[in-house]
Amino acid sequence: MSQDRLNVVRAMAAMAWSDGRMDKKEKEKLRALARKLLPDPGEQSRVEGFLMSRPSIDGITFGDLNPKEREALYLLAAHYAWMDGRVKPGEQKILDTLAALLQVEPTARAAIEEQVKAAKKK
């Protein structure tokens, strides 16, 4: 199993939990993401723990991801954060932490966030 792929799902689970709960829609989206990134059912079962309690993203790494993949992961996180049309303080904290862990440049981060905001207005 690629630890980076599991870390992607873990980070998205942390984003979903950032408001203190995991709703049905979020669980469905995370399970779909796990099926896509972790093709082995045994690997997917590890994700169920992330759905039951908030995982920490402290210390996770994304060493095998190239810069484009890092930006794509940040884009996914931003979509999760803006799912309900606004970013709550807990979601902002996760975005800030992920941006640092992923080493997303500030200009790229700002462009990604503007892209997500514009998409939500449509």
Protein backbone atom coordinates (compact mmCIF):
# COMPACT_ATOMS: atom_id res chain seq x y z
CA MET A 1 0.00 0.00 0.00
CA SER A 2 1.18 3.46 -0.75
CA GLN A 3 1.40 5.30 2.54
CA ASP A 4 1.00 8.57 0.63
CA ARG A 5 -2.34 7.38 -0.77
CA LEU A 6 -3.56 6.40 2.68
CA ASN A 7 -2.35 9.78 3.95
CA VAL A 8 -4.43 11.51 1.28
CA VAL A 9 -7.57 9.79 2.56
CA ARG A 10 -6.51 10.48 6.16
CA ALA A 11 -6.10 14.19 5.40
CA MET A 12 -9.52 14.38 3.76
CA ALA A 13 -11.05 12.59 6.75
CA ALA A 14 -9.44 15.14 9.07
CA MET A 15 -10.97 17.88 6.92
CA ALA A 16 -14.39 16.25 7.12
CA TRP A 17 -14.08 15.96 10.92
CA SER A 18 -12.90 19.57 11.33
CA ASP A 19 -16.40 20.70 12.33
CA GLY A 20 -16.55 18.00 15.01
CA ARG A 21 -18.70 15.51 13.12
CA MET A 22 -18.74 13.28 10.07
CA ASP A 23 -22.00 13.36 8.14
CA LYS A 24 -23.35 10.77 5.73
CA LYS A 25 -22.37 12.73 2.61
CA GLU A 26 -18.81 13.09 3.86
CA LYS A 27 -18.59 9.37 4.64
CA GLU A 28 -19.81 8.49 1.16
CA LYS A 29 -17.26 10.81 -0.46
CA LEU A 30 -14.41 9.43 1.66
CA ARG A 31 -15.36 5.83 0.89
CA ALA A 32 -15.45 6.68 -2.82
CA LEU A 33 -12.03 8.32 -2.56
CA ALA A 34 -10.67 5.26 -0.74
CA ARG A 35 -12.03 2.93 -3.45
CA LYS A 36 -10.30 5.04 -6.08
CA LEU A 37 -6.95 5.41 -4.32
CA LEU A 38 -6.76 2.12 -2.43
CA PRO A 39 -7.92 -0.67 -4.76
CA ASP A 40 -7.33 -3.50 -2.25
CA PRO A 41 -10.40 -4.02 0.02
CA GLY A 42 -8.06 -4.68 2.93
CA GLU A 43 -6.53 -1.26 2.45
CA GLN A 44 -9.97 0.32 2.19
CA SER A 45 -11.00 -1.20 5.51
CA ARG A 46 -8.31 0.85 7.27
CA VAL A 47 -10.23 3.94 6.23
CA GLU A 48 -13.26 2.92 8.29
CA GLY A 49 -11.37 3.95 11.42
CA PHE A 50 -11.05 7.47 9.99
CA LEU A 51 -14.84 7.58 9.65
CA MET A 52 -15.41 6.61 13.27
CA SER A 53 -13.04 9.07 14.95
CA ARG A 54 -11.07 12.10 13.84
CA PRO A 55 -7.60 11.21 12.58
CA SER A 56 -4.65 13.46 13.27
CA ILE A 57 -2.65 14.83 10.39
CA ASP A 58 0.27 15.81 12.60
CA GLY A 59 3.44 14.32 11.22
CA ILE A 60 2.02 12.81 8.05
CA THR A 61 4.15 13.11 4.95
CA PHE A 62 3.56 13.13 1.23
CA GLY A 63 7.10 12.31 0.13
CA ASP A 64 6.22 10.51 -3.09
CA LEU A 65 3.93 13.24 -4.41
CA ASN A 66 5.27 15.59 -7.05
CA PRO A 67 4.35 19.31 -6.98
CA LYS A 68 1.33 18.87 -9.28
CA GLU A 69 -0.01 16.04 -7.12
CA ARG A 70 0.50 18.16 -4.01
CA GLU A 71 -1.49 20.99 -5.56
CA ALA A 72 -4.19 18.53 -6.64
CA LEU A 73 -4.46 17.26 -3.06
CA TYR A 74 -4.74 20.82 -1.78
CA LEU A 75 -7.44 21.47 -4.39
CA LEU A 76 -9.35 18.42 -3.14
CA ALA A 77 -9.01 19.64 0.46
CA ALA A 78 -10.26 23.08 -0.52
CA HIS A 79 -13.31 21.51 -2.20
CA TYR A 80 -14.04 19.59 1.00
CA ALA A 81 -13.67 22.78 3.04
CA TRP A 82 -16.00 24.75 0.76
CA MET A 83 -18.55 21.93 0.39
CA ASP A 84 -21.16 23.87 2.36
CA GLY A 85 -20.31 27.22 0.79
CA ARG A 86 -18.03 28.58 3.50
CA VAL A 87 -14.85 27.68 5.38
CA LYS A 88 -15.23 27.24 9.13
CA PRO A 89 -12.32 27.92 11.53
CA GLY A 90 -11.54 24.20 11.98
CA GLU A 91 -11.48 23.73 8.22
CA GLN A 92 -9.19 26.73 7.81
CA LYS A 93 -6.79 25.23 10.36
CA ILE A 94 -6.66 21.96 8.41
CA LEU A 95 -6.11 23.86 5.14
CA ASP A 96 -3.27 25.82 6.71
CA THR A 97 -1.66 22.66 8.07
CA LEU A 98 -2.05 20.82 4.76
CA ALA A 99 -0.61 23.71 2.78
CA ALA A 100 2.49 23.56 5.00
CA LEU A 101 2.76 19.75 4.89
CA LEU A 102 2.31 19.73 1.11
CA GLN A 103 4.66 22.68 0.63
CA VAL A 104 2.15 24.44 -1.62
CA GLU A 105 3.48 27.84 -2.62
CA PRO A 106 1.38 30.78 -1.36
CA THR A 107 0.60 32.00 -4.88
CA ALA A 108 -0.51 28.52 -5.96
CA ARG A 109 -2.57 28.19 -2.79
CA ALA A 110 -4.34 31.49 -3.41
CA ALA A 111 -5.09 30.52 -7.02
CA ILE A 112 -6.49 27.16 -5.93
CA GLU A 113 -8.72 28.77 -3.31
CA GLU A 114 -10.02 31.32 -5.84
CA GLN A 115 -10.76 28.50 -8.28
CA VAL A 116 -12.80 26.64 -5.65
CA LYS A 117 -14.68 29.78 -4.57
CA ALA A 118 -15.54 30.58 -8.19
CA ALA A 119 -16.80 27.03 -8.75
CA LYS A 120 -19.06 27.28 -5.68
CA LYS A 121 -20.66 30.47 -7.01
CA LYS A 122 -21.84 28.71 -10.18
